Amino acid sequence: MTQKRLHIAIQKSGRLAEKSLDLIRDAGFRLVKSASDLAYSVENAPIDLWCVRDDDIPTFVADGVADLGMVGRNVLAERAAGPNSAPLVELMPLGFGRCRLSIAAPLNFAYAGAKSLSGLRIATTYPNLLEKFLAEQGVDAKIVTMRGAVEVAPRLKLAEVICDLVSTGATLEANGLAPLQTVLESEAVLVRAPRVASEEIERAIQSVTARFRGVIASQGAKYVMMNAPRSALPEISRILPGADAPTVTPLAGRDDVVAVHAVCQESVFWETLEALKGAGASAILVLPIEKMM
């Protein structure tokens, strides 16, 4: 019997495309690119990737063409805010592609809250989310839907204000605009349809999500080892950043000194090492973590 293959829809180009492929590779999946550049197969697992437009990823997943999708939460939320959209389930955030959908305006715009937008034209590529935001704020404004280059709308007199994605803010600054209010915080997320798939596909989905979680959990995490006086353990546990209770083992021939091992989920800075040293720790080692499950 032919083994069923898991299908994952990813962005074919743009800011999330390469990051999605990096995460898949870091999860241990060996990719083979098709001749058309629109698909990949995985050598060591029954998985195929479809490379599509980001706006089409929710449709691929909702219609069952793909079992999973890797897409920006902004795309997912825009679709969900529209009429007659089939619901999708967000399985997990993916830790990249962070940005925010924001109201922005020229630098001389006097902003005193959402009510300042009343009666204005607002250009956006996210009309559903903007309409929902305005309704929640009780604001009556005209939405000007654009397909791109939203930041030029005020300069071209198409709108007084815009609602667009902001990452670093450099594009806004280059066009004489400043962010005023956040409509939605976004990052890449893994989604699926709410229906139950076959047993094979469900197992594959669980494997993929477990590997992704392991990769994401290990990013920035460090494994810290040291020797320390037993009496200093409370202070050392307090100093270790983002660590659960450390593992403590006795040293041969010493009752007063122990070995301390800990996984730190936050950055370990030189100041942290100095604080540990000041608490009595010695032989401190900080190691990167490649995988964690």
Protein backbone atom coordinates (compact mmCIF):
# COMPACT_ATOMS: atom_id res chain seq x y z
CA MET A 1 0.00 0.00 0.00
CA THR A 2 1.32 3.45 -0.95
CA GLN A 3 2.13 5.58 2.08
CA LYS A 4 0.09 8.76 2.34
CA ARG A 5 2.14 11.94 2.17
CA LEU A 6 1.73 15.04 4.28
CA HIS A 7 1.38 18.23 2.24
CA ILE A 8 2.57 21.58 3.63
CA ALA A 9 1.84 24.90 1.89
CA ILE A 10 4.54 27.57 2.27
CA GLN A 11 5.10 31.01 0.78
CA LYS A 12 6.85 30.74 -2.59
CA SER A 13 8.68 34.07 -2.23
CA GLY A 14 8.89 36.97 0.16
CA ARG A 15 9.97 37.47 3.74
CA LEU A 16 8.65 34.14 5.10
CA ALA A 17 9.73 31.83 2.28
CA GLU A 18 13.38 31.20 3.17
CA LYS A 19 12.71 31.22 6.91
CA SER A 20 10.07 28.51 6.44
CA LEU A 21 12.52 26.36 4.48
CA ASP A 22 15.21 26.95 7.12
CA LEU A 23 12.90 25.75 9.89
CA ILE A 24 11.98 22.63 7.92
CA ARG A 25 15.65 21.84 7.27
CA ASP A 26 16.58 22.53 10.91
CA ALA A 27 13.89 20.03 11.91
CA GLY A 28 15.89 17.33 10.13
CA PHE A 29 13.93 17.09 6.88
CA ARG A 30 16.10 16.74 3.74
CA LEU A 31 14.54 18.72 0.90
CA VAL A 32 14.70 17.98 -2.81
CA LYS A 33 13.57 20.81 -5.09
CA SER A 34 11.33 20.06 -8.07
CA ALA A 35 12.18 21.24 -11.58
CA SER A 36 9.37 23.81 -11.48
CA ASP A 37 10.54 25.55 -8.28
CA LEU A 38 6.95 25.27 -7.03
CA ALA A 39 7.39 22.16 -4.90
CA TYR A 40 9.81 20.23 -2.72
CA SER A 41 9.77 16.64 -1.61
CA VAL A 42 11.32 15.37 1.61
CA GLU A 43 13.78 12.51 1.19
CA ASN A 44 13.58 11.11 4.70
CA ALA A 45 9.85 11.52 5.46
CA PRO A 46 6.54 11.23 3.54
CA ILE A 47 6.18 15.02 3.14
CA ASP A 48 5.73 17.35 0.16
CA LEU A 49 5.86 21.14 0.14
CA TRP A 50 3.72 23.32 -2.13
CA CYS A 51 5.15 26.80 -2.79
CA VAL A 52 2.25 29.22 -3.33
CA ARG A 53 1.26 32.86 -2.85
CA ASP A 54 0.85 33.74 0.83
CA ASP A 55 -2.79 34.79 0.30
CA ASP A 56 -3.54 31.33 -1.13
CA ILE A 57 -2.11 29.31 1.76
CA PRO A 58 -5.26 29.47 3.95
CA THR A 59 -7.37 28.40 0.96
CA PHE A 60 -5.07 25.44 0.22
CA VAL A 61 -5.39 24.30 3.83
CA ALA A 62 -9.14 24.92 4.15
CA ASP A 63 -9.87 23.06 0.90
CA GLY A 64 -7.71 20.07 1.85
CA VAL A 65 -5.10 20.56 -0.87
CA ALA A 66 -2.55 20.99 1.94
CA ASP A 67 -2.68 19.47 5.42
CA LEU A 68 -0.60 22.22 7.01
CA GLY A 69 0.24 25.82 6.15
CA MET A 70 3.07 28.11 7.24
CA VAL A 71 1.72 31.63 6.92
CA GLY A 72 1.73 35.04 8.59
CA ARG A 73 -0.92 35.54 11.24
CA ASN A 74 -1.84 38.76 9.42
CA VAL A 75 -2.87 36.75 6.32
CA LEU A 76 -4.80 34.28 8.46
CA ALA A 77 -6.56 37.03 10.41
CA GLU A 78 -7.45 38.99 7.25
CA ARG A 79 -9.10 35.89 5.82
CA ALA A 80 -10.90 35.08 9.08
CA ALA A 81 -12.26 38.64 9.28
CA GLY A 82 -13.84 38.29 5.83
CA PRO A 83 -17.26 36.85 5.00
CA ASN A 84 -17.88 33.10 4.73
CA SER A 85 -14.35 32.05 5.65
CA ALA A 86 -13.83 28.48 6.82
CA PRO A 87 -12.08 28.44 10.21
CA LEU A 88 -8.49 27.24 10.51
CA VAL A 89 -6.66 26.13 13.64
CA GLU A 90 -3.40 27.82 14.64
CA LEU A 91 -1.16 25.02 15.94
CA MET A 92 1.85 27.09 17.00
CA PRO A 93 3.79 30.28 16.39
CA LEU A 94 6.99 29.68 14.42
CA GLY A 95 9.25 32.32 15.93
CA PHE A 96 10.03 34.36 12.80
CA GLY A 97 8.40 36.95 10.55
CA ARG A 98 7.40 39.16 13.47
CA CYS A 99 5.73 42.41 12.46
CA ARG A 100 2.64 44.44 13.27
CA LEU A 101 -0.26 45.80 11.29
CA SER A 102 -0.34 49.48 12.19
CA ILE A 103 -2.14 52.70 11.46
CA ALA A 104 0.43 55.18 10.13
CA ALA A 105 0.25 58.79 8.98
CA PRO A 106 2.46 61.71 7.92
CA LEU A 107 4.70 63.07 10.66
CA ASN A 108 2.62 66.25 11.09
CA PHE A 109 -0.63 64.32 11.63
CA ALA A 110 -2.25 65.19 14.98
CA TYR A 111 -3.29 61.84 16.46
CA ALA A 112 -5.36 61.63 19.63
CA GLY A 113 -6.60 58.06 19.43
CA ALA A 114 -8.68 56.14 16.90
CA LYS A 115 -11.38 58.83 16.84
CA SER A 116 -8.87 61.03 14.99
CA LEU A 117 -9.44 58.79 11.96
CA SER A 118 -13.13 59.69 11.62
CA GLY A 119 -14.05 60.89 8.14
CA LEU A 120 -10.62 60.15 6.67
CA ARG A 121 -9.53 57.88 3.84
CA ILE A 122 -7.33 54.99 4.99
CA ALA A 123 -5.36 53.00 2.41
CA THR A 124 -4.61 49.34 3.14
CA THR A 125 -4.11 45.87 1.72
CA TYR A 126 -6.00 44.50 4.75
CA PRO A 127 -9.53 45.85 4.32
CA ASN A 128 -11.23 43.17 6.45
CA LEU A 129 -8.98 43.69 9.46
CA LEU A 130 -9.17 47.45 9.10
CA GLU A 131 -12.95 47.36 8.85
CA LYS A 132 -13.13 45.22 11.99
CA PHE A 133 -10.77 47.57 13.85
CA LEU A 134 -12.74 50.68 12.87
CA ALA A 135 -16.03 49.04 13.89
CA GLU A 136 -14.60 48.09 17.29
CA GLN A 137 -13.38 51.66 17.77
CA GLY A 138 -16.67 53.19 16.61
CA VAL A 139 -14.93 55.09 13.82
CA ASP A 140 -16.54 55.96 10.48
CA ALA A 141 -13.81 56.20 7.84
CA LYS A 142 -13.43 55.28 4.16
CA ILE A 143 -11.27 52.27 3.37
CA VAL A 144 -9.20 52.53 0.19
CA THR A 145 -8.11 49.01 -0.82
CA MET A 146 -4.74 48.74 -2.53
CA ARG A 147 -2.66 45.79 -3.77
CA GLY A 148 0.72 47.17 -2.74
CA ALA A 149 2.84 50.29 -2.23
CA VAL A 150 0.41 51.48 0.43
CA GLU A 151 3.00 53.81 1.91
CA VAL A 152 2.81 56.15 -1.11
CA ALA A 153 -0.95 56.72 -0.76
CA PRO A 154 -0.70 59.92 1.36
CA ARG A 155 1.90 61.43 -0.99
CA LEU A 156 -0.32 60.69 -4.01
CA LYS A 157 -3.38 62.10 -2.19
CA LEU A 158 -5.15 58.73 -2.40
CA ALA A 159 -5.61 58.67 1.37
CA GLU A 160 -4.69 60.69 4.43
CA VAL A 161 -3.68 57.67 6.53
CA ILE A 162 -2.57 54.09 5.87
CA CYS A 163 -2.89 50.72 7.61
CA ASP A 164 0.07 48.51 6.71
CA LEU A 165 2.58 45.99 8.02
CA VAL A 166 5.48 47.46 9.96
CA SER A 167 8.65 45.51 10.70
CA THR A 168 11.60 47.86 11.23
CA GLY A 169 9.72 51.04 10.33
CA ALA A 170 12.34 51.98 7.72
CA THR A 171 9.83 52.02 4.83
CA LEU A 172 7.49 54.31 6.75
CA GLU A 173 10.32 56.64 7.67
CA ALA A 174 11.52 56.79 4.06
CA ASN A 175 8.05 57.95 3.03
CA GLY A 176 7.66 60.52 5.80
CA LEU A 177 5.24 58.41 7.85
CA ALA A 178 5.12 57.33 11.49
CA PRO A 179 3.18 54.45 13.12
CA LEU A 180 0.32 55.59 15.35
CA GLN A 181 -1.53 52.53 16.63
CA THR A 182 -1.16 48.76 16.34
CA VAL A 183 -4.08 46.84 14.87
CA LEU A 184 -2.56 43.34 14.99
CA GLU A 185 0.67 41.72 16.22
CA SER A 186 1.81 39.13 13.69
CA GLU A 187 4.39 36.40 13.08
CA ALA A 188 4.57 33.21 11.05
CA VAL A 189 2.28 30.47 12.37
CA LEU A 190 1.57 26.82 11.56
CA VAL A 191 -2.08 26.16 10.72
CA ARG A 192 -4.34 23.27 9.81
CA ALA A 193 -8.01 22.70 9.07
CA PRO A 194 -10.17 21.58 12.03
CA ARG A 195 -11.18 18.32 10.34
CA VAL A 196 -9.58 15.04 11.45
CA ALA A 197 -7.20 13.56 8.87
CA SER A 198 -6.24 9.91 8.37
CA GLU A 199 -4.22 8.18 11.08
CA GLU A 200 -1.05 8.35 8.96
CA ILE A 201 -1.43 12.08 8.33
CA GLU A 202 -2.23 12.79 11.97
CA ARG A 203 0.96 10.99 13.02
CA ALA A 204 2.93 13.00 10.47
CA ILE A 205 1.41 16.26 11.75
CA GLN A 206 2.37 15.35 15.32
CA SER A 207 5.93 14.55 14.21
CA VAL A 208 6.32 17.83 12.32
CA THR A 209 4.94 19.96 15.17
CA ALA A 210 7.11 18.17 17.75
CA ARG A 211 10.24 18.76 15.66
CA PHE A 212 9.33 22.39 15.03
CA ARG A 213 8.79 22.94 18.76
CA GLY A 214 12.17 21.37 19.44
CA VAL A 215 13.94 23.65 16.96
CA ILE A 216 12.20 26.77 18.26
CA ALA A 217 12.82 25.85 21.91
CA SER A 218 16.55 25.43 21.22
CA GLN A 219 16.94 28.81 19.50
CA GLY A 220 18.82 31.07 21.87
CA ALA A 221 18.81 28.40 24.60
CA LYS A 222 22.09 27.49 26.29
CA TYR A 223 23.26 24.57 28.37
CA VAL A 224 25.16 25.85 31.40
CA MET A 225 27.44 23.68 33.55
CA MET A 226 29.45 24.69 36.62
CA ASN A 227 30.74 23.61 39.99
CA ALA A 228 29.38 25.47 42.98
CA PRO A 229 29.20 25.34 46.79
CA ARG A 230 26.07 23.51 47.90
CA SER A 231 25.24 26.50 50.09
CA ALA A 232 25.14 28.78 47.00
CA LEU A 233 22.45 26.79 45.14
CA PRO A 234 19.54 29.14 46.01
CA GLU A 235 21.47 32.18 44.73
CA ILE A 236 22.70 30.38 41.60
CA SER A 237 19.15 29.19 40.77
CA ARG A 238 18.01 32.82 41.05
CA ILE A 239 20.76 34.07 38.73
CA LEU A 240 20.33 31.51 35.93
CA PRO A 241 18.16 33.17 33.25
CA GLY A 242 14.96 31.40 32.20
CA ALA A 243 15.96 28.08 33.74
CA ASP A 244 13.83 25.49 35.47
CA ALA A 245 15.23 23.81 38.59
CA PRO A 246 18.83 22.89 37.73
CA THR A 247 20.22 19.36 37.88
CA VAL A 248 22.52 18.99 40.87
CA THR A 249 24.97 16.07 41.26
CA PRO A 250 27.63 15.49 43.93
CA LEU A 251 31.33 15.68 43.11
CA ALA A 252 33.55 12.72 43.98
CA GLY A 253 35.12 13.18 47.40
CA ARG A 254 33.39 16.52 48.08
CA ASP A 255 30.32 17.03 50.25
CA ASP A 256 30.36 20.83 50.11
CA VAL A 257 30.66 21.29 46.31
CA VAL A 258 28.26 20.04 43.61
CA ALA A 259 28.00 20.06 39.82
CA VAL A 260 25.13 22.18 38.50
CA HIS A 261 23.64 21.71 35.01
CA ALA A 262 20.82 23.87 33.65
CA VAL A 263 19.06 24.67 30.38
CA CYS A 264 18.62 28.44 30.09
CA GLN A 265 15.87 29.60 27.75
CA GLU A 266 17.10 33.20 27.82
CA SER A 267 20.39 34.72 26.72
CA VAL A 268 23.38 34.10 28.96
CA PHE A 269 25.44 37.30 29.03
CA TRP A 270 28.91 37.95 30.42
CA GLU A 271 27.19 39.76 33.29
CA THR A 272 25.39 36.49 34.10
CA LEU A 273 28.70 34.60 34.24
CA GLU A 274 30.19 37.28 36.48
CA ALA A 275 27.20 37.04 38.82
CA LEU A 276 27.55 33.24 38.95
CA LYS A 277 31.26 33.63 39.66
CA GLY A 278 30.46 36.09 42.42
CA ALA A 279 28.06 33.58 43.96
CA GLY A 280 30.86 31.05 44.22
CA ALA A 281 30.56 29.09 40.96
CA SER A 282 33.67 27.86 39.16
CA ALA A 283 34.55 25.99 35.93
CA ILE A 284 31.52 27.55 34.21
CA LEU A 285 30.77 26.27 30.70
CA VAL A 286 28.08 27.64 28.35
CA LEU A 287 27.21 25.44 25.37
CA PRO A 288 24.78 25.97 22.46
CA ILE A 289 21.84 23.60 22.11
CA GLU A 290 21.23 22.19 18.64
CA LYS A 291 18.01 20.26 19.33
CA MET A 292 15.63 20.03 22.27
CA MET A 293 12.41 18.04 22.69
